[in-house]
Amino acid sequence: MITYIVSSIGFFIALMLQYGIFSRWTLLSGSADIVLLFIVALCLHSNVKRLWVQVLIFGAIVGAISAIPFYFIMAFYFAIFLAAQLIRKRIMQTPLLSMYLLTFIATLAWHALNIAYLFIKRIPFDLSTALFEIMLPGLLLNILVSIVIHAIVQEGNRMITPKGAEV
């Protein structure tokens, strides 16, 4: 129970940091997605049985305050959860490498979904600008910030759930 509470508090801290600070901290036009990185790290390190419910709730909260429809974000965060479970079973011997891999895939997929959504809504945009001024700088910032988020979530998880304890 305590892991749900602490991860929810961590999510709200990440959400406030994302919308208060990191959305204005840009490289060209791309910014780091702290909420995405927190959810990736949480999915990679948490051993909670019903984490998927919490991930869907987090997706609904982000979807409620985002311009993109909430079901896109919920489905995307659930896909991150499934990919993290797959990666945990395959290559969890190196958790930081898993974090990099999932951050890379999730960031590219998120930007591809945003571009597809703009295309479906027939909103005019320049694809080269979207790729080279938003997606690639955002990917670089996400990779750099993922080191810090990974360390924070990993240490928090170690403090809350001692080794050998079952949740």
Foldseek 3Di string as FASTA:
>chain_A
DVVLVVLVVVLVVQVCCVVPPQCPVFDQNATERSNVLLLLLCLQADPDDPVLVVQLVSLQVCCVPDPDHSVVSSVLSSVSSVVSVVCNVPPSVPVLVSSLVSLLVSLVVVLVVVVVVCVVVVPDDDPVCSVPRYRVRNSVNNNVCSVVSNVVSNVVSCVVAPPPDDD
